[in-house]
């Protein structure tokens, strides 16, 4: 199954950009389920998982990830 993952930078100690200036970056990942899609995304981008919310009904999942001093909001949904 294909999953679309959108990552939007929330904060960064080095850039201090406001949220409105950070456009989401989209990625499509082949995976068996949402958890596998998130794990593959983390490995590809060298991100660390902070938190994840996965609804039981198969709607979009929301995660917070970090890379160095940057924190990202991540949306995952079936493509």
C-alpha atoms as a PDB file:
ATOM      1  CA  UNK A   1       0.000   0.000   0.000  1.00  0.00           C
ATOM      2  CA  UNK A   2       1.182   3.552  -0.658  1.00  0.00           C
ATOM      3  CA  UNK A   3       1.271   6.156   2.097  1.00  0.00           C
ATOM      4  CA  UNK A   4       1.734   9.874   1.693  1.00  0.00           C
ATOM      5  CA  UNK A   5       3.801  11.516   4.387  1.00  0.00           C
ATOM      6  CA  UNK A   6       3.813  15.278   4.884  1.00  0.00           C
ATOM      7  CA  UNK A   7       6.449  16.786   7.172  1.00  0.00           C
ATOM      8  CA  UNK A   8       6.291  20.413   8.267  1.00  0.00           C
ATOM      9  CA  UNK A   9       9.032  22.003  10.339  1.00  0.00           C
ATOM     10  CA  UNK A  10       7.653  23.415  13.582  1.00  0.00           C
ATOM     11  CA  UNK A  11      10.780  24.745  15.292  1.00  0.00           C
ATOM     12  CA  UNK A  12      14.477  25.026  14.761  1.00  0.00           C
ATOM     13  CA  UNK A  13      17.025  26.561  17.090  1.00  0.00           C
ATOM     14  CA  UNK A  14      19.249  27.493  14.139  1.00  0.00           C
ATOM     15  CA  UNK A  15      16.689  29.068  11.761  1.00  0.00           C
ATOM     16  CA  UNK A  16      13.972  30.284  14.152  1.00  0.00           C
ATOM     17  CA  UNK A  17      11.576  30.437  11.162  1.00  0.00           C
ATOM     18  CA  UNK A  18       7.908  31.021  11.921  1.00  0.00           C
ATOM     19  CA  UNK A  19       5.614  28.058  11.227  1.00  0.00           C
ATOM     20  CA  UNK A  20       3.844  29.897   8.369  1.00  0.00           C
ATOM     21  CA  UNK A  21       7.076  30.042   6.350  1.00  0.00           C
ATOM     22  CA  UNK A  22       7.640  26.286   6.516  1.00  0.00           C
ATOM     23  CA  UNK A  23       5.921  24.519   3.608  1.00  0.00           C
ATOM     24  CA  UNK A  24       5.181  20.790   4.052  1.00  0.00           C
ATOM     25  CA  UNK A  25       7.449  18.306   2.279  1.00  0.00           C
ATOM     26  CA  UNK A  26       5.600  15.333   0.753  1.00  0.00           C
ATOM     27  CA  UNK A  27       6.961  11.822   0.377  1.00  0.00           C
ATOM     28  CA  UNK A  28       5.274   8.642  -0.882  1.00  0.00           C
ATOM     29  CA  UNK A  29       6.313   5.370   0.763  1.00  0.00           C
ATOM     30  CA  UNK A  30       5.317   1.766   0.019  1.00  0.00           C
ATOM     31  CA  UNK A  31       4.552  -0.108   3.249  1.00  0.00           C
ATOM     32  CA  UNK A  32       2.292  -2.784   4.689  1.00  0.00           C
ATOM     33  CA  UNK A  33       0.868  -0.478   7.363  1.00  0.00           C
ATOM     34  CA  UNK A  34       1.170   2.997   8.886  1.00  0.00           C
ATOM     35  CA  UNK A  35       3.772   1.959  11.455  1.00  0.00           C
ATOM     36  CA  UNK A  36       6.030   0.522   8.768  1.00  0.00           C
ATOM     37  CA  UNK A  37       5.575   3.664   6.654  1.00  0.00           C
ATOM     38  CA  UNK A  38       6.587   5.880   9.584  1.00  0.00           C
ATOM     39  CA  UNK A  39       9.600   3.683  10.385  1.00  0.00           C
ATOM     40  CA  UNK A  40      10.806   3.765   6.770  1.00  0.00           C
ATOM     41  CA  UNK A  41      10.368   7.553   6.699  1.00  0.00           C
ATOM     42  CA  UNK A  42      12.380   7.918   9.924  1.00  0.00           C
ATOM     43  CA  UNK A  43      15.216   5.812   8.526  1.00  0.00           C
ATOM     44  CA  UNK A  44      15.257   7.630   5.154  1.00  0.00           C
ATOM     45  CA  UNK A  45      15.412  11.069   6.774  1.00  0.00           C
ATOM     46  CA  UNK A  46      17.500  10.147   9.828  1.00  0.00           C
ATOM     47  CA  UNK A  47      14.700  11.406  12.113  1.00  0.00           C
ATOM     48  CA  UNK A  48      13.966  10.395  15.691  1.00  0.00           C
ATOM     49  CA  UNK A  49      10.363   9.643  16.673  1.00  0.00           C
ATOM     50  CA  UNK A  50       9.095  11.805  19.537  1.00  0.00           C
ATOM     51  CA  UNK A  51       5.403  10.788  19.540  1.00  0.00           C
ATOM     52  CA  UNK A  52       2.783   9.221  17.284  1.00  0.00           C
ATOM     53  CA  UNK A  53      -1.019   9.026  17.280  1.00  0.00           C
ATOM     54  CA  UNK A  54      -2.542   6.304  15.101  1.00  0.00           C
ATOM     55  CA  UNK A  55      -6.346   6.156  15.028  1.00  0.00           C
ATOM     56  CA  UNK A  56      -8.007   2.738  15.007  1.00  0.00           C
ATOM     57  CA  UNK A  57     -10.228   3.479  11.985  1.00  0.00           C
ATOM     58  CA  UNK A  58      -7.441   3.960   9.459  1.00  0.00           C
ATOM     59  CA  UNK A  59      -7.661   7.750   9.257  1.00  0.00           C
ATOM     60  CA  UNK A  60      -4.527   9.863   9.106  1.00  0.00           C
ATOM     61  CA  UNK A  61      -1.829   9.349  11.701  1.00  0.00           C
ATOM     62  CA  UNK A  62       0.051  12.247  13.278  1.00  0.00           C
ATOM     63  CA  UNK A  63       3.624  12.071  14.541  1.00  0.00           C
ATOM     64  CA  UNK A  64       6.189  14.438  15.955  1.00  0.00           C
ATOM     65  CA  UNK A  65       9.780  13.787  14.923  1.00  0.00           C
ATOM     66  CA  UNK A  66      13.082  15.527  15.393  1.00  0.00           C
ATOM     67  CA  UNK A  67      16.376  15.856  13.625  1.00  0.00           C
ATOM     68  CA  UNK A  68      19.060  17.694  15.532  1.00  0.00           C
ATOM     69  CA  UNK A  69      17.547  20.944  16.760  1.00  0.00           C
ATOM     70  CA  UNK A  70      14.543  20.818  14.397  1.00  0.00           C
ATOM     71  CA  UNK A  71      11.100  19.425  15.271  1.00  0.00           C
ATOM     72  CA  UNK A  72       8.600  18.377  12.581  1.00  0.00           C
ATOM     73  CA  UNK A  73       4.879  17.609  12.519  1.00  0.00           C
ATOM     74  CA  UNK A  74       4.259  14.572  10.306  1.00  0.00           C
ATOM     75  CA  UNK A  75       0.915  13.511   8.757  1.00  0.00           C
ATOM     76  CA  UNK A  76       0.601   9.991   7.338  1.00  0.00           C
ATOM     77  CA  UNK A  77      -2.348   8.837   5.232  1.00  0.00           C
ATOM     78  CA  UNK A  78      -3.118   6.274   2.527  1.00  0.00           C
ATOM     79  CA  UNK A  79      -2.312   7.626  -0.920  1.00  0.00           C
END
